[in-house]
Amino acid sequence: MEKIKLKPCPFCGGKASLIKNECPDTGYVGWFVYHDCRKFGPHGIKTRLDRDPKCAAQAWNKRKE
């Protein structure tokens, strides 16, 4: 897989991670971006689950002007 670049956290500037989530029962593979941002809350922030890692990265990288 090609390297997917992620923007830093919009709240604290920390590094986010692209996470693969696979269901052993169904074989479904989904991707989301997660960052353990303490400025946002105790559970961090993440994107929705998406079948395509590029779409998950696009959702994370999208910023309002």
N, C-alpha and C. Protein backbone atom coordinates (compact mmCIF):
# COMPACT_ATOMS: atom_id res chain seq x y z
N MET A 1 0.85 -1.18 0.00
CA MET A 1 0.00 0.00 0.00
C MET A 1 0.89 1.24 0.00
N GLU A 2 0.50 2.21 -0.79
CA GLU A 2 1.27 3.45 -0.84
C GLU A 2 1.12 4.23 0.46
N LYS A 3 2.10 5.06 0.73
CA LYS A 3 2.10 5.87 1.95
C LYS A 3 0.98 6.91 1.88
N ILE A 4 0.13 6.93 2.89
CA ILE A 4 -0.96 7.89 2.98
C ILE A 4 -0.58 8.93 4.02
N LYS A 5 -0.56 10.19 3.61
CA LYS A 5 -0.18 11.27 4.53
C LYS A 5 -1.41 11.77 5.28
N LEU A 6 -1.22 11.97 6.57
CA LEU A 6 -2.28 12.50 7.43
C LEU A 6 -1.85 13.83 8.00
N LYS A 7 -2.78 14.77 8.02
CA LYS A 7 -2.50 16.06 8.64
C LYS A 7 -2.43 15.87 10.15
N PRO A 8 -1.74 16.77 10.86
CA PRO A 8 -1.72 16.69 12.32
C PRO A 8 -3.11 16.99 12.89
N CYS A 9 -3.28 16.65 14.15
CA CYS A 9 -4.55 16.90 14.83
C CYS A 9 -4.88 18.40 14.77
N PRO A 10 -6.12 18.74 14.41
CA PRO A 10 -6.49 20.16 14.33
C PRO A 10 -6.60 20.83 15.70
N PHE A 11 -6.62 20.06 16.77
CA PHE A 11 -6.77 20.63 18.11
C PHE A 11 -5.44 20.81 18.84
N CYS A 12 -4.53 19.81 18.69
CA CYS A 12 -3.28 19.89 19.45
C CYS A 12 -2.03 19.79 18.58
N GLY A 13 -2.20 19.44 17.30
CA GLY A 13 -1.05 19.31 16.41
C GLY A 13 -0.35 17.96 16.48
N GLY A 14 -0.91 17.01 17.26
CA GLY A 14 -0.31 15.69 17.40
C GLY A 14 -0.48 14.81 16.17
N LYS A 15 0.24 13.70 16.16
CA LYS A 15 0.25 12.78 15.04
C LYS A 15 -0.93 11.81 15.13
N ALA A 16 -1.65 11.64 14.02
CA ALA A 16 -2.77 10.70 13.93
C ALA A 16 -2.29 9.41 13.27
N SER A 17 -3.08 8.35 13.44
CA SER A 17 -2.73 7.05 12.90
C SER A 17 -3.88 6.48 12.08
N LEU A 18 -3.55 5.82 10.97
CA LEU A 18 -4.52 5.11 10.15
C LEU A 18 -4.62 3.70 10.71
N ILE A 19 -5.83 3.30 11.13
CA ILE A 19 -6.04 2.02 11.82
C ILE A 19 -6.89 1.09 10.95
N LYS A 20 -6.43 -0.15 10.83
CA LYS A 20 -7.19 -1.18 10.11
C LYS A 20 -8.01 -1.96 11.13
N ASN A 21 -9.29 -2.15 10.84
CA ASN A 21 -10.19 -2.87 11.73
C ASN A 21 -10.80 -4.02 10.92
N GLU A 22 -10.54 -5.26 11.36
CA GLU A 22 -11.02 -6.42 10.61
C GLU A 22 -11.88 -7.31 11.50
N CYS A 23 -13.06 -7.70 11.01
CA CYS A 23 -13.95 -8.58 11.74
C CYS A 23 -13.58 -10.03 11.42
N PRO A 24 -13.20 -10.83 12.42
CA PRO A 24 -12.82 -12.22 12.15
C PRO A 24 -13.99 -13.09 11.70
N ASP A 25 -15.21 -12.72 12.07
CA ASP A 25 -16.38 -13.52 11.71
C ASP A 25 -16.83 -13.31 10.27
N THR A 26 -16.83 -12.05 9.83
CA THR A 26 -17.34 -11.74 8.49
C THR A 26 -16.25 -11.44 7.47
N GLY A 27 -15.06 -11.14 7.94
CA GLY A 27 -13.97 -10.77 7.03
C GLY A 27 -14.02 -9.32 6.60
N TYR A 28 -15.00 -8.55 7.12
CA TYR A 28 -15.10 -7.13 6.76
C TYR A 28 -13.84 -6.40 7.22
N VAL A 29 -13.29 -5.61 6.33
CA VAL A 29 -12.13 -4.77 6.65
C VAL A 29 -12.53 -3.31 6.50
N GLY A 30 -12.31 -2.54 7.54
CA GLY A 30 -12.59 -1.12 7.51
C GLY A 30 -11.39 -0.35 8.05
N TRP A 31 -11.33 0.91 7.72
CA TRP A 31 -10.23 1.78 8.13
C TRP A 31 -10.78 3.03 8.79
N PHE A 32 -10.05 3.55 9.77
CA PHE A 32 -10.37 4.85 10.35
C PHE A 32 -9.08 5.51 10.81
N VAL A 33 -9.15 6.82 11.00
CA VAL A 33 -8.00 7.57 11.51
C VAL A 33 -8.30 7.93 12.96
N TYR A 34 -7.31 7.72 13.83
CA TYR A 34 -7.48 7.96 15.25
C TYR A 34 -6.32 8.78 15.80
N HIS A 35 -6.65 9.64 16.78
CA HIS A 35 -5.62 10.37 17.52
C HIS A 35 -6.08 10.51 18.96
N ASP A 36 -5.21 10.20 19.89
CA ASP A 36 -5.49 10.29 21.32
C ASP A 36 -5.29 11.72 21.80
N CYS A 37 -6.18 12.60 21.37
CA CYS A 37 -6.06 14.03 21.68
C CYS A 37 -6.71 14.35 23.02
N ARG A 38 -5.91 14.72 23.99
CA ARG A 38 -6.42 15.05 25.33
C ARG A 38 -7.15 16.39 25.35
N LYS A 39 -6.90 17.25 24.36
CA LYS A 39 -7.59 18.54 24.32
C LYS A 39 -9.03 18.36 23.85
N PHE A 40 -9.30 17.28 23.11
CA PHE A 40 -10.64 17.04 22.58
C PHE A 40 -11.51 16.31 23.59
N GLY A 41 -10.94 15.41 24.35
CA GLY A 41 -11.70 14.64 25.33
C GLY A 41 -10.93 13.41 25.77
N PRO A 42 -11.47 12.68 26.73
CA PRO A 42 -10.74 11.53 27.29
C PRO A 42 -10.64 10.32 26.35
N HIS A 43 -11.42 10.28 25.28
CA HIS A 43 -11.42 9.13 24.40
C HIS A 43 -10.79 9.40 23.03
N GLY A 44 -10.19 10.54 22.84
CA GLY A 44 -9.57 10.87 21.57
C GLY A 44 -10.61 11.18 20.49
N ILE A 45 -10.13 11.30 19.27
CA ILE A 45 -11.00 11.59 18.14
C ILE A 45 -10.69 10.61 17.01
N LYS A 46 -11.72 10.32 16.19
CA LYS A 46 -11.52 9.42 15.06
C LYS A 46 -12.51 9.72 13.96
N THR A 47 -12.20 9.21 12.77
CA THR A 47 -13.11 9.34 11.63
C THR A 47 -14.07 8.15 11.65
N ARG A 48 -15.04 8.19 10.77
CA ARG A 48 -15.95 7.06 10.61
C ARG A 48 -15.19 5.88 9.99
N LEU A 49 -15.73 4.70 10.12
CA LEU A 49 -15.14 3.51 9.52
C LEU A 49 -15.43 3.51 8.02
N ASP A 50 -14.42 3.26 7.21
CA ASP A 50 -14.57 3.28 5.76
C ASP A 50 -13.84 2.09 5.16
N ARG A 51 -14.36 1.54 4.07
CA ARG A 51 -13.73 0.40 3.41
C ARG A 51 -12.41 0.76 2.73
N ASP A 52 -12.25 2.00 2.37
CA ASP A 52 -11.06 2.45 1.65
C ASP A 52 -10.19 3.32 2.56
N PRO A 53 -8.93 2.95 2.78
CA PRO A 53 -8.08 3.75 3.67
C PRO A 53 -7.88 5.18 3.16
N LYS A 54 -7.90 5.37 1.84
CA LYS A 54 -7.75 6.72 1.29
C LYS A 54 -8.94 7.60 1.66
N CYS A 55 -10.14 7.01 1.67
CA CYS A 55 -11.34 7.78 2.05
C CYS A 55 -11.30 8.18 3.53
N ALA A 56 -10.82 7.26 4.37
CA ALA A 56 -10.68 7.59 5.80
C ALA A 56 -9.69 8.73 5.98
N ALA A 57 -8.58 8.69 5.24
CA ALA A 57 -7.57 9.75 5.32
C ALA A 57 -8.13 11.07 4.79
N GLN A 58 -8.90 11.03 3.72
CA GLN A 58 -9.50 12.25 3.19
C GLN A 58 -10.45 12.89 4.20
N ALA A 59 -11.22 12.05 4.91
CA ALA A 59 -12.14 12.57 5.92
C ALA A 59 -11.36 13.25 7.04
N TRP A 60 -10.24 12.66 7.44
CA TRP A 60 -9.39 13.25 8.49
C TRP A 60 -8.75 14.54 8.01
N ASN A 61 -8.24 14.54 6.80
CA ASN A 61 -7.49 15.69 6.29
C ASN A 61 -8.36 16.87 5.90
N LYS A 62 -9.67 16.67 5.80
CA LYS A 62 -10.58 17.75 5.40
C LYS A 62 -10.66 18.78 6.52
N ARG A 63 -10.45 20.03 6.18
CA ARG A 63 -10.49 21.12 7.16
C ARG A 63 -11.33 22.27 6.58
N LYS A 64 -12.10 22.92 7.44
CA LYS A 64 -12.81 24.11 7.01
C LYS A 64 -11.84 25.27 6.96
N GLU A 65 -12.03 26.13 6.02
CA GLU A 65 -11.17 27.31 5.88
C GLU A 65 -11.48 28.33 6.96
